[in-house]
């Protein structure tokens, strides 16, 4: 499996192109904007994006969704964040940045096991940054969105964020996983579960 990391949109969200070596179809995690860049990265790797896994519904992670949907890409989002992407609850207040509201093709509940482009994904519901945040687990990797960062975690002062709920998601879900996964977050650099269990300040909020 190959993972290509690049940034999209005005807040430099990490997007991840995931595909099997030699495959022609790919999965994308989060699409903050920069549709031309997304197309360029896919073309450079010789793949076509078939599925888009959204970690949550904030504007900086969904800016290119409608353009991708128009190209036939299937979009996945947790049901608790549906209202965000259909109203201004996506927090689209960034100057000169507008998104087109959309309806996901697949609404998630958490706990699903998906096989997309020949790759198995597990959906883990990790509310706290938003009530509909999810992480996607595959092989030795977790795509954590704005739930868990390197040495930090997602802010909880926006909309339906809740620091206690987020602490529970990280400590009692992510940190209880048996494997030391590589963590690919929604912003900044990657980390590992074991590193965060030792150093992440989320424990102060239990």
N, C-alpha and C. Protein backbone atom coordinates (compact mmCIF):
# COMPACT_ATOMS: atom_id res chain seq x y z
N UNK A 1 0.84 -1.19 0.00
CA UNK A 1 0.00 0.00 0.00
C UNK A 1 0.88 1.25 0.00
N UNK A 2 0.50 2.22 -0.79
CA UNK A 2 1.24 3.47 -0.87
C UNK A 2 0.39 4.61 -0.33
N UNK A 3 1.00 5.49 0.46
CA UNK A 3 0.33 6.67 1.00
C UNK A 3 1.07 7.91 0.54
N UNK A 4 0.39 8.79 -0.18
CA UNK A 4 0.98 10.04 -0.64
C UNK A 4 0.33 11.17 0.13
N UNK A 5 1.11 11.89 0.90
CA UNK A 5 0.62 12.99 1.72
C UNK A 5 0.89 14.32 1.02
N UNK A 6 -0.11 15.20 1.02
CA UNK A 6 0.06 16.54 0.47
C UNK A 6 -0.95 17.46 1.15
N UNK A 7 -0.77 18.77 1.03
CA UNK A 7 -1.67 19.71 1.69
C UNK A 7 -2.60 20.37 0.69
N UNK A 8 -3.81 20.65 1.17
CA UNK A 8 -4.81 21.29 0.32
C UNK A 8 -5.54 22.38 1.11
N UNK A 9 -6.04 23.38 0.40
CA UNK A 9 -6.89 24.40 0.99
C UNK A 9 -6.12 25.47 1.74
N UNK A 10 -6.84 26.52 2.18
CA UNK A 10 -6.20 27.69 2.79
C UNK A 10 -5.57 27.43 4.15
N UNK A 11 -6.01 26.38 4.85
CA UNK A 11 -5.44 26.06 6.16
C UNK A 11 -4.48 24.87 6.09
N UNK A 12 -4.07 24.53 4.87
CA UNK A 12 -3.07 23.48 4.65
C UNK A 12 -3.43 22.18 5.36
N UNK A 13 -4.61 21.71 5.05
CA UNK A 13 -5.06 20.41 5.55
C UNK A 13 -4.25 19.30 4.88
N UNK A 14 -3.88 18.31 5.65
CA UNK A 14 -3.24 17.13 5.08
C UNK A 14 -4.28 16.28 4.36
N UNK A 15 -4.04 16.03 3.08
CA UNK A 15 -4.82 15.06 2.33
C UNK A 15 -3.93 13.86 2.07
N UNK A 16 -4.55 12.69 1.97
CA UNK A 16 -3.78 11.45 1.79
C UNK A 16 -4.37 10.65 0.64
N UNK A 17 -3.54 10.38 -0.34
CA UNK A 17 -3.91 9.53 -1.47
C UNK A 17 -3.40 8.13 -1.16
N UNK A 18 -4.30 7.15 -1.16
CA UNK A 18 -3.96 5.80 -0.72
C UNK A 18 -4.33 4.82 -1.83
N UNK A 19 -3.38 3.97 -2.18
CA UNK A 19 -3.65 3.00 -3.23
C UNK A 19 -2.65 1.86 -3.15
N UNK A 20 -3.02 0.73 -3.75
CA UNK A 20 -2.13 -0.40 -3.81
C UNK A 20 -1.12 -0.19 -4.93
N UNK A 21 0.10 -0.66 -4.72
CA UNK A 21 1.13 -0.55 -5.75
C UNK A 21 0.64 -1.18 -7.04
N UNK A 22 0.74 -0.42 -8.13
CA UNK A 22 0.32 -0.92 -9.44
C UNK A 22 -1.16 -0.76 -9.73
N UNK A 23 -1.93 -0.29 -8.76
CA UNK A 23 -3.38 -0.14 -8.95
C UNK A 23 -3.69 1.14 -9.73
N UNK A 24 -4.86 1.19 -10.30
CA UNK A 24 -5.31 2.36 -11.05
C UNK A 24 -6.32 3.20 -10.29
N UNK A 25 -6.89 2.64 -9.21
CA UNK A 25 -7.90 3.34 -8.43
C UNK A 25 -7.36 3.66 -7.05
N UNK A 26 -7.83 4.77 -6.47
CA UNK A 26 -7.30 5.23 -5.19
C UNK A 26 -8.38 5.78 -4.29
N UNK A 27 -8.05 5.83 -3.00
CA UNK A 27 -8.88 6.43 -1.97
C UNK A 27 -8.21 7.72 -1.52
N UNK A 28 -9.00 8.75 -1.29
CA UNK A 28 -8.49 10.01 -0.77
C UNK A 28 -9.08 10.25 0.61
N UNK A 29 -8.24 10.67 1.57
CA UNK A 29 -8.72 11.09 2.88
C UNK A 29 -8.64 12.61 2.96
N UNK A 30 -9.79 13.24 3.13
CA UNK A 30 -9.95 14.69 3.27
C UNK A 30 -9.53 15.45 2.01
N UNK A 31 -10.27 16.52 1.74
CA UNK A 31 -10.05 17.31 0.54
C UNK A 31 -10.37 18.76 0.85
N UNK A 32 -9.38 19.46 1.40
CA UNK A 32 -9.60 20.80 1.91
C UNK A 32 -9.82 21.87 0.86
N UNK A 33 -9.55 21.57 -0.37
CA UNK A 33 -9.65 22.55 -1.46
C UNK A 33 -8.62 22.20 -2.51
N UNK A 34 -8.18 23.21 -3.30
CA UNK A 34 -7.10 23.00 -4.27
C UNK A 34 -7.40 21.82 -5.19
N UNK A 35 -8.56 21.85 -5.84
CA UNK A 35 -8.96 20.72 -6.68
C UNK A 35 -7.95 20.43 -7.78
N UNK A 36 -7.34 21.48 -8.33
CA UNK A 36 -6.33 21.25 -9.38
C UNK A 36 -5.12 20.50 -8.83
N UNK A 37 -4.73 20.81 -7.60
CA UNK A 37 -3.61 20.10 -6.99
C UNK A 37 -3.97 18.64 -6.73
N UNK A 38 -5.20 18.39 -6.28
CA UNK A 38 -5.64 17.01 -6.05
C UNK A 38 -5.58 16.22 -7.34
N UNK A 39 -6.09 16.81 -8.42
CA UNK A 39 -6.04 16.12 -9.72
C UNK A 39 -4.60 15.88 -10.16
N UNK A 40 -3.74 16.88 -9.93
CA UNK A 40 -2.34 16.75 -10.33
C UNK A 40 -1.65 15.62 -9.58
N UNK A 41 -1.88 15.51 -8.28
CA UNK A 41 -1.25 14.45 -7.48
C UNK A 41 -1.75 13.09 -7.95
N UNK A 42 -3.04 12.98 -8.21
CA UNK A 42 -3.58 11.71 -8.69
C UNK A 42 -2.97 11.34 -10.04
N UNK A 43 -2.89 12.30 -10.95
CA UNK A 43 -2.31 12.04 -12.27
C UNK A 43 -0.85 11.66 -12.18
N UNK A 44 -0.10 12.32 -11.31
CA UNK A 44 1.32 12.01 -11.15
C UNK A 44 1.53 10.58 -10.68
N UNK A 45 0.58 10.06 -9.94
CA UNK A 45 0.69 8.70 -9.43
C UNK A 45 -0.06 7.68 -10.28
N UNK A 46 -0.64 8.15 -11.38
CA UNK A 46 -1.28 7.24 -12.33
C UNK A 46 -2.53 6.58 -11.80
N UNK A 47 -3.27 7.29 -10.92
CA UNK A 47 -4.47 6.70 -10.34
C UNK A 47 -5.66 7.64 -10.51
N UNK A 48 -6.83 7.06 -10.38
CA UNK A 48 -8.08 7.82 -10.38
C UNK A 48 -8.73 7.69 -9.02
N UNK A 49 -9.13 8.80 -8.43
CA UNK A 49 -9.77 8.78 -7.12
C UNK A 49 -11.19 8.25 -7.25
N UNK A 50 -11.50 7.21 -6.48
CA UNK A 50 -12.83 6.60 -6.52
C UNK A 50 -13.63 6.88 -5.26
N UNK A 51 -12.94 7.03 -4.12
CA UNK A 51 -13.61 7.19 -2.84
C UNK A 51 -12.93 8.31 -2.05
N UNK A 52 -13.74 9.11 -1.34
CA UNK A 52 -13.23 10.18 -0.49
C UNK A 52 -13.75 9.96 0.93
N UNK A 53 -12.82 9.69 1.85
CA UNK A 53 -13.15 9.49 3.25
C UNK A 53 -12.94 10.79 4.00
N UNK A 54 -14.00 11.36 4.55
CA UNK A 54 -13.90 12.61 5.30
C UNK A 54 -13.80 12.31 6.79
N UNK A 55 -12.83 12.95 7.46
CA UNK A 55 -12.68 12.74 8.89
C UNK A 55 -13.70 13.52 9.70
N UNK A 56 -14.18 14.64 9.15
CA UNK A 56 -15.25 15.42 9.78
C UNK A 56 -15.71 16.49 8.79
N UNK A 57 -16.67 17.33 9.23
CA UNK A 57 -17.34 18.21 8.29
C UNK A 57 -16.94 19.66 8.31
N UNK A 58 -15.83 20.03 8.94
CA UNK A 58 -15.41 21.43 8.94
C UNK A 58 -14.93 21.86 7.55
N UNK A 59 -15.13 23.15 7.25
CA UNK A 59 -14.90 23.65 5.89
C UNK A 59 -13.49 23.39 5.39
N UNK A 60 -12.51 23.43 6.27
CA UNK A 60 -11.13 23.30 5.79
C UNK A 60 -10.78 21.88 5.37
N UNK A 61 -11.68 20.93 5.62
CA UNK A 61 -11.44 19.54 5.21
C UNK A 61 -12.33 19.11 4.05
N UNK A 62 -13.28 19.96 3.64
CA UNK A 62 -14.26 19.53 2.64
C UNK A 62 -14.36 20.46 1.43
N UNK A 63 -13.42 21.37 1.27
CA UNK A 63 -13.55 22.40 0.25
C UNK A 63 -13.65 21.90 -1.18
N UNK A 64 -13.07 20.74 -1.47
CA UNK A 64 -13.08 20.23 -2.86
C UNK A 64 -14.08 19.11 -3.07
N UNK A 65 -14.94 18.87 -2.10
CA UNK A 65 -15.83 17.70 -2.17
C UNK A 65 -16.75 17.74 -3.38
N UNK A 66 -17.43 18.85 -3.60
CA UNK A 66 -18.41 18.89 -4.69
C UNK A 66 -17.75 18.69 -6.05
N UNK A 67 -16.58 19.25 -6.24
CA UNK A 67 -15.87 19.04 -7.51
C UNK A 67 -15.55 17.56 -7.71
N UNK A 68 -15.15 16.90 -6.64
CA UNK A 68 -14.83 15.47 -6.75
C UNK A 68 -16.10 14.65 -6.96
N UNK A 69 -17.17 15.02 -6.28
CA UNK A 69 -18.43 14.31 -6.50
C UNK A 69 -18.89 14.41 -7.95
N UNK A 70 -18.70 15.57 -8.55
CA UNK A 70 -19.10 15.75 -9.95
C UNK A 70 -18.30 14.85 -10.89
N UNK A 71 -17.14 14.39 -10.42
CA UNK A 71 -16.31 13.49 -11.21
C UNK A 71 -16.59 12.02 -10.89
N UNK A 72 -17.60 11.78 -10.05
CA UNK A 72 -18.01 10.42 -9.74
C UNK A 72 -17.39 9.82 -8.49
N UNK A 73 -16.69 10.63 -7.71
CA UNK A 73 -16.08 10.14 -6.48
C UNK A 73 -17.16 9.97 -5.41
N UNK A 74 -17.16 8.83 -4.72
CA UNK A 74 -18.11 8.57 -3.65
C UNK A 74 -17.56 9.14 -2.34
N UNK A 75 -18.41 9.88 -1.62
CA UNK A 75 -17.99 10.60 -0.43
C UNK A 75 -18.60 9.97 0.82
N UNK A 76 -17.76 9.79 1.85
CA UNK A 76 -18.15 9.15 3.10
C UNK A 76 -17.98 10.15 4.25
N UNK A 77 -19.00 10.23 5.14
CA UNK A 77 -18.97 11.15 6.27
C UNK A 77 -19.84 10.59 7.39
N UNK A 78 -19.43 10.82 8.64
CA UNK A 78 -20.26 10.38 9.75
C UNK A 78 -21.56 11.17 9.79
N UNK A 79 -22.63 10.49 10.14
CA UNK A 79 -23.96 11.10 10.10
C UNK A 79 -24.08 12.31 11.03
N UNK A 80 -23.33 12.34 12.12
CA UNK A 80 -23.43 13.47 13.05
C UNK A 80 -22.93 14.78 12.48
N UNK A 81 -22.14 14.71 11.41
CA UNK A 81 -21.63 15.93 10.79
C UNK A 81 -22.36 16.29 9.50
N UNK A 82 -23.46 15.61 9.23
CA UNK A 82 -24.20 15.87 7.99
C UNK A 82 -24.68 17.31 7.94
N UNK A 83 -25.24 17.82 9.04
CA UNK A 83 -25.77 19.19 9.03
C UNK A 83 -24.67 20.20 8.73
N UNK A 84 -23.45 19.92 9.16
CA UNK A 84 -22.36 20.87 8.93
C UNK A 84 -22.14 21.11 7.45
N UNK A 85 -22.17 20.07 6.66
CA UNK A 85 -21.84 20.22 5.24
C UNK A 85 -23.04 20.63 4.40
N UNK A 86 -24.18 20.77 5.04
CA UNK A 86 -25.38 21.23 4.33
C UNK A 86 -25.82 22.62 4.77
N UNK A 87 -25.10 23.21 5.73
CA UNK A 87 -25.41 24.54 6.23
C UNK A 87 -24.10 25.27 6.50
N UNK A 88 -24.20 26.46 7.09
CA UNK A 88 -22.99 27.21 7.43
C UNK A 88 -22.34 26.71 8.72
N UNK A 89 -22.84 25.62 9.29
CA UNK A 89 -22.22 25.04 10.48
C UNK A 89 -20.86 24.40 10.18
N UNK A 90 -20.48 24.38 8.91
CA UNK A 90 -19.14 23.91 8.56
C UNK A 90 -18.08 24.93 8.95
N UNK A 91 -18.51 26.07 9.50
CA UNK A 91 -17.63 27.14 9.96
C UNK A 91 -16.89 27.81 8.80
N UNK A 92 -17.57 27.95 7.70
CA UNK A 92 -16.94 28.54 6.52
C UNK A 92 -16.89 30.05 6.67
N UNK A 93 -16.01 30.53 7.54
CA UNK A 93 -15.86 31.95 7.73
C UNK A 93 -14.52 32.48 7.27
N UNK A 94 -13.74 31.62 6.62
CA UNK A 94 -12.42 32.05 6.15
C UNK A 94 -12.59 33.04 4.99
N UNK A 95 -11.88 34.17 5.02
CA UNK A 95 -12.06 35.20 4.00
C UNK A 95 -11.89 34.67 2.57
N UNK A 96 -12.86 34.99 1.73
CA UNK A 96 -12.79 34.64 0.31
C UNK A 96 -12.72 33.14 0.05
N UNK A 97 -13.19 32.35 1.00
CA UNK A 97 -13.20 30.90 0.80
C UNK A 97 -14.62 30.40 0.97
N UNK A 98 -15.20 29.88 -0.08
CA UNK A 98 -16.56 29.39 -0.05
C UNK A 98 -16.58 27.93 -0.46
N UNK A 99 -17.48 27.18 0.16
CA UNK A 99 -17.68 25.81 -0.27
C UNK A 99 -19.12 25.63 -0.73
N UNK A 100 -19.30 24.67 -1.61
CA UNK A 100 -20.64 24.33 -2.07
C UNK A 100 -21.17 23.22 -1.18
N UNK A 101 -22.33 23.44 -0.59
CA UNK A 101 -22.91 22.40 0.27
C UNK A 101 -23.10 21.11 -0.51
N UNK A 102 -23.06 20.00 0.22
CA UNK A 102 -23.15 18.72 -0.47
C UNK A 102 -23.81 17.69 0.43
N UNK A 103 -24.24 16.60 -0.18
CA UNK A 103 -24.78 15.45 0.54
C UNK A 103 -23.84 14.28 0.34
N UNK A 104 -23.30 13.71 1.41
CA UNK A 104 -22.41 12.56 1.26
C UNK A 104 -23.14 11.39 0.59
N UNK A 105 -22.38 10.59 -0.10
CA UNK A 105 -22.96 9.39 -0.74
C UNK A 105 -23.18 8.28 0.28
N UNK A 106 -22.33 8.24 1.30
CA UNK A 106 -22.42 7.20 2.33
C UNK A 106 -22.32 7.86 3.69
N UNK A 107 -23.34 7.67 4.54
CA UNK A 107 -23.30 8.16 5.91
C UNK A 107 -22.82 7.04 6.83
N UNK A 108 -21.86 7.37 7.68
CA UNK A 108 -21.25 6.40 8.57
C UNK A 108 -21.80 6.54 9.98
N UNK A 109 -21.77 5.44 10.72
CA UNK A 109 -22.15 5.44 12.13
C UNK A 109 -20.96 5.20 13.04
N UNK A 110 -19.89 4.68 12.49
CA UNK A 110 -18.75 4.23 13.28
C UNK A 110 -18.82 2.73 13.45
N UNK A 111 -17.67 2.08 13.33
CA UNK A 111 -17.65 0.63 13.45
C UNK A 111 -17.68 -0.10 12.13
N UNK A 112 -17.90 0.63 11.04
CA UNK A 112 -17.95 -0.02 9.73
C UNK A 112 -16.59 -0.58 9.32
N UNK A 113 -16.62 -1.63 8.54
CA UNK A 113 -15.43 -2.15 7.89
C UNK A 113 -15.66 -2.02 6.38
N UNK A 114 -14.83 -1.23 5.75
CA UNK A 114 -14.98 -0.92 4.33
C UNK A 114 -13.82 -1.53 3.56
N UNK A 115 -14.11 -2.04 2.39
CA UNK A 115 -13.07 -2.46 1.47
C UNK A 115 -13.19 -1.59 0.23
N UNK A 116 -12.23 -0.69 0.05
CA UNK A 116 -12.26 0.29 -1.03
C UNK A 116 -10.98 0.18 -1.83
N UNK A 117 -11.11 0.02 -3.13
CA UNK A 117 -9.95 -0.10 -4.01
C UNK A 117 -9.01 -1.21 -3.54
N UNK A 118 -9.60 -2.28 -3.00
CA UNK A 118 -8.82 -3.42 -2.54
C UNK A 118 -8.13 -3.23 -1.20
N UNK A 119 -8.45 -2.14 -0.50
CA UNK A 119 -7.83 -1.83 0.80
C UNK A 119 -8.90 -1.86 1.87
N UNK A 120 -8.61 -2.51 3.00
CA UNK A 120 -9.55 -2.61 4.10
C UNK A 120 -9.39 -1.42 5.05
N UNK A 121 -10.50 -0.79 5.39
CA UNK A 121 -10.53 0.31 6.34
C UNK A 121 -11.50 0.00 7.45
N UNK A 122 -11.13 0.36 8.68
CA UNK A 122 -12.05 0.31 9.81
C UNK A 122 -12.38 1.73 10.21
N UNK A 123 -13.67 2.00 10.44
CA UNK A 123 -14.12 3.34 10.83
C UNK A 123 -14.25 3.38 12.34
N UNK A 124 -13.52 4.29 12.98
CA UNK A 124 -13.57 4.45 14.43
C UNK A 124 -14.15 5.83 14.74
N UNK A 125 -15.32 5.86 15.41
CA UNK A 125 -15.96 7.12 15.77
C UNK A 125 -15.21 7.74 16.94
N UNK A 126 -14.66 8.94 16.75
CA UNK A 126 -13.86 9.61 17.78
C UNK A 126 -14.34 11.05 17.98
N UNK A 127 -15.53 11.24 18.53
CA UNK A 127 -16.08 12.59 18.72
C UNK A 127 -15.26 13.40 19.71
N UNK A 128 -15.46 14.71 19.65
CA UNK A 128 -14.80 15.62 20.57
C UNK A 128 -14.42 16.92 19.88
N UNK A 129 -13.71 16.82 18.76
CA UNK A 129 -13.46 18.02 17.94
C UNK A 129 -14.77 18.42 17.28
N UNK A 130 -15.46 17.47 16.68
CA UNK A 130 -16.87 17.58 16.32
C UNK A 130 -17.54 16.29 16.78
N UNK A 131 -18.86 16.29 16.78
CA UNK A 131 -19.58 15.08 17.22
C UNK A 131 -19.49 13.98 16.17
N UNK A 132 -19.09 14.33 14.96
CA UNK A 132 -19.01 13.34 13.89
C UNK A 132 -17.60 12.99 13.44
N UNK A 133 -16.62 13.33 14.25
CA UNK A 133 -15.24 12.99 13.88
C UNK A 133 -15.05 11.48 13.84
N UNK A 134 -14.31 11.02 12.85
CA UNK A 134 -13.92 9.61 12.78
C UNK A 134 -12.44 9.52 12.42
N UNK A 135 -11.86 8.38 12.78
CA UNK A 135 -10.53 8.00 12.31
C UNK A 135 -10.69 6.78 11.41
N UNK A 136 -9.83 6.67 10.43
CA UNK A 136 -9.83 5.53 9.52
C UNK A 136 -8.57 4.73 9.75
N UNK A 137 -8.73 3.44 10.01
CA UNK A 137 -7.61 2.56 10.31
C UNK A 137 -7.43 1.58 9.17
N UNK A 138 -6.19 1.46 8.68
CA UNK A 138 -5.87 0.49 7.66
C UNK A 138 -4.43 0.04 7.80
N UNK A 139 -4.22 -1.26 7.72
CA UNK A 139 -2.87 -1.81 7.82
C UNK A 139 -2.21 -1.31 9.11
N UNK A 140 -1.11 -0.55 9.01
CA UNK A 140 -0.43 -0.03 10.21
C UNK A 140 -0.63 1.47 10.37
N UNK A 141 -1.69 2.02 9.75
CA UNK A 141 -1.89 3.47 9.72
C UNK A 141 -3.25 3.87 10.26
N UNK A 142 -3.27 5.03 10.92
CA UNK A 142 -4.51 5.67 11.34
C UNK A 142 -4.54 7.07 10.74
N UNK A 143 -5.62 7.41 10.07
CA UNK A 143 -5.82 8.76 9.56
C UNK A 143 -6.76 9.45 10.56
N UNK A 144 -6.18 10.36 11.36
CA UNK A 144 -6.86 10.84 12.56
C UNK A 144 -7.57 12.17 12.40
N UNK A 145 -7.48 12.81 11.24
CA UNK A 145 -8.15 14.09 11.06
C UNK A 145 -7.72 15.08 12.13
N UNK A 146 -8.69 15.76 12.74
CA UNK A 146 -8.39 16.74 13.79
C UNK A 146 -8.65 16.17 15.18
N UNK A 147 -8.67 14.86 15.31
CA UNK A 147 -8.81 14.24 16.63
C UNK A 147 -7.47 14.25 17.36
N UNK A 148 -6.44 13.71 16.73
CA UNK A 148 -5.14 13.56 17.38
C UNK A 148 -4.05 14.13 16.48
N UNK A 149 -3.21 14.99 17.05
CA UNK A 149 -2.06 15.56 16.35
C UNK A 149 -0.78 15.10 17.04
N UNK A 150 0.34 15.40 16.41
CA UNK A 150 1.63 15.13 17.03
C UNK A 150 1.82 16.08 18.22
N UNK A 151 1.81 15.53 19.42
CA UNK A 151 1.99 16.34 20.61
C UNK A 151 0.83 17.24 20.95
N UNK A 152 -0.33 17.00 20.34
CA UNK A 152 -1.48 17.88 20.57
C UNK A 152 -2.76 17.15 20.18
N UNK A 153 -3.85 17.91 20.08
CA UNK A 153 -5.15 17.35 19.74
C UNK A 153 -6.02 18.47 19.19
N UNK A 154 -7.15 18.12 18.62
CA UNK A 154 -8.02 19.10 17.98
C UNK A 154 -8.66 20.05 18.98
N UNK A 155 -8.90 21.27 18.55
CA UNK A 155 -9.55 22.25 19.41
C UNK A 155 -11.00 21.84 19.64
N UNK A 156 -11.55 22.28 20.77
CA UNK A 156 -12.90 21.87 21.14
C UNK A 156 -13.81 23.06 21.45
N UNK A 157 -13.41 24.24 21.00
CA UNK A 157 -14.19 25.44 21.29
C UNK A 157 -15.05 25.87 20.10
N UNK A 158 -15.29 24.97 19.17
CA UNK A 158 -16.07 25.29 17.98
C UNK A 158 -17.32 24.42 17.92
N UNK A 159 -18.48 25.04 17.85
CA UNK A 159 -19.71 24.28 17.64
C UNK A 159 -19.94 23.22 18.70
N UNK A 160 -19.97 21.96 18.28
CA UNK A 160 -20.28 20.86 19.18
C UNK A 160 -19.04 20.17 19.74
N UNK A 161 -17.90 20.87 19.77
CA UNK A 161 -16.70 20.31 20.37
C UNK A 161 -16.86 20.16 21.88
N UNK A 162 -16.11 19.19 22.44
CA UNK A 162 -16.20 18.93 23.88
C UNK A 162 -14.89 18.27 24.30
N UNK A 163 -14.13 18.93 25.18
CA UNK A 163 -12.81 18.44 25.56
C UNK A 163 -12.89 17.11 26.31
N UNK A 164 -13.90 16.92 27.14
CA UNK A 164 -14.03 15.66 27.87
C UNK A 164 -14.35 14.51 26.92
N UNK A 165 -15.20 14.79 25.96
CA UNK A 165 -15.53 13.76 24.97
C UNK A 165 -14.30 13.43 24.12
N UNK A 166 -13.54 14.45 23.75
CA UNK A 166 -12.33 14.23 22.96
C UNK A 166 -11.32 13.42 23.75
N UNK A 167 -11.13 13.76 25.03
CA UNK A 167 -10.20 13.01 25.87
C UNK A 167 -10.59 11.54 25.94
N UNK A 168 -11.88 11.27 26.05
CA UNK A 168 -12.35 9.89 26.07
C UNK A 168 -12.05 9.18 24.76
N UNK A 169 -12.28 9.87 23.64
CA UNK A 169 -12.01 9.27 22.33
C UNK A 169 -10.54 8.89 22.18
N UNK A 170 -9.67 9.79 22.60
CA UNK A 170 -8.24 9.55 22.43
C UNK A 170 -7.72 8.51 23.41
N UNK A 171 -8.05 8.68 24.69
CA UNK A 171 -7.48 7.82 25.72
C UNK A 171 -8.12 6.43 25.73
N UNK A 172 -9.43 6.37 25.58
CA UNK A 172 -10.13 5.09 25.71
C UNK A 172 -10.43 4.40 24.40
N UNK A 173 -10.13 5.06 23.28
CA UNK A 173 -10.30 4.40 21.98
C UNK A 173 -8.95 4.28 21.27
N UNK A 174 -8.35 5.41 20.92
CA UNK A 174 -7.09 5.35 20.17
C UNK A 174 -5.96 4.74 20.99
N UNK A 175 -5.82 5.16 22.25
CA UNK A 175 -4.71 4.68 23.06
C UNK A 175 -4.92 3.25 23.56
N UNK A 176 -6.11 2.71 23.39
CA UNK A 176 -6.38 1.33 23.79
C UNK A 176 -6.16 0.34 22.63
N UNK A 177 -5.85 0.87 21.46
CA UNK A 177 -5.56 -0.01 20.34
C UNK A 177 -4.29 -0.81 20.63
N UNK A 178 -4.30 -2.07 20.26
CA UNK A 178 -3.19 -2.96 20.61
C UNK A 178 -1.94 -2.71 19.78
N UNK A 179 -2.11 -2.18 18.59
CA UNK A 179 -0.97 -1.99 17.68
C UNK A 179 -0.43 -0.56 17.79
N UNK A 180 0.87 -0.40 17.61
CA UNK A 180 1.48 0.94 17.59
C UNK A 180 1.39 1.49 16.17
N UNK A 181 0.26 2.10 15.88
CA UNK A 181 0.00 2.59 14.53
C UNK A 181 0.77 3.87 14.24
N UNK A 182 1.09 4.06 12.98
CA UNK A 182 1.49 5.37 12.49
C UNK A 182 0.25 6.24 12.42
N UNK A 183 0.35 7.46 12.89
CA UNK A 183 -0.79 8.37 12.91
C UNK A 183 -0.57 9.47 11.89
N UNK A 184 -1.49 9.57 10.93
CA UNK A 184 -1.45 10.59 9.90
C UNK A 184 -2.57 11.60 10.19
N UNK A 185 -2.22 12.75 10.78
CA UNK A 185 -3.25 13.70 11.23
C UNK A 185 -3.71 14.66 10.13
N UNK A 186 -4.70 15.47 10.49
CA UNK A 186 -5.26 16.44 9.55
C UNK A 186 -4.39 17.65 9.32
N UNK A 187 -3.43 17.90 10.21
CA UNK A 187 -2.51 19.03 10.06
C UNK A 187 -1.15 18.63 10.61
N UNK A 188 -0.12 19.24 10.07
CA UNK A 188 1.25 19.08 10.56
C UNK A 188 1.77 17.65 10.37
N UNK A 189 2.81 17.28 11.16
CA UNK A 189 3.55 16.07 10.88
C UNK A 189 2.90 14.83 11.50
N UNK A 190 3.33 13.66 11.02
CA UNK A 190 2.81 12.40 11.51
C UNK A 190 3.45 12.04 12.85
N UNK A 191 2.89 11.02 13.50
CA UNK A 191 3.38 10.58 14.80
C UNK A 191 3.04 9.10 14.95
N UNK A 192 3.11 8.58 16.17
CA UNK A 192 2.71 7.20 16.44
C UNK A 192 1.86 7.17 17.70
N UNK A 193 1.09 6.12 17.83
CA UNK A 193 0.26 5.95 19.02
C UNK A 193 1.12 5.89 20.28
N UNK A 194 2.19 5.12 20.25
CA UNK A 194 3.03 4.97 21.44
C UNK A 194 3.66 6.30 21.85
N UNK A 195 4.12 7.09 20.88
CA UNK A 195 4.70 8.40 21.19
C UNK A 195 3.68 9.28 21.89
N UNK A 196 2.44 9.27 21.38
CA UNK A 196 1.41 10.14 21.96
C UNK A 196 0.95 9.64 23.33
N UNK A 197 0.95 8.34 23.54
CA UNK A 197 0.59 7.80 24.85
C UNK A 197 1.57 8.27 25.93
N UNK A 198 2.80 8.53 25.54
CA UNK A 198 3.82 8.95 26.50
C UNK A 198 3.88 10.47 26.67
N UNK A 199 3.50 11.24 25.63
CA UNK A 199 3.78 12.67 25.66
C UNK A 199 2.59 13.59 25.41
N UNK A 200 1.47 13.06 24.96
CA UNK A 200 0.37 13.95 24.59
C UNK A 200 -0.28 14.57 25.82
N UNK A 201 -0.55 15.89 25.80
CA UNK A 201 -1.13 16.58 26.97
C UNK A 201 -2.61 16.30 27.20
N UNK A 202 -3.24 15.46 26.39
CA UNK A 202 -4.67 15.19 26.56
C UNK A 202 -4.97 14.61 27.93
N UNK A 203 -3.99 13.97 28.58
CA UNK A 203 -4.24 13.37 29.89
C UNK A 203 -4.58 14.42 30.95
N UNK A 204 -4.20 15.67 30.73
CA UNK A 204 -4.51 16.72 31.69
C UNK A 204 -5.99 17.05 31.73
N UNK A 205 -6.75 16.57 30.72
CA UNK A 205 -8.16 16.93 30.60
C UNK A 205 -9.10 15.81 30.98
N UNK A 206 -8.57 14.76 31.56
CA UNK A 206 -9.41 13.64 31.96
C UNK A 206 -10.24 14.03 33.18
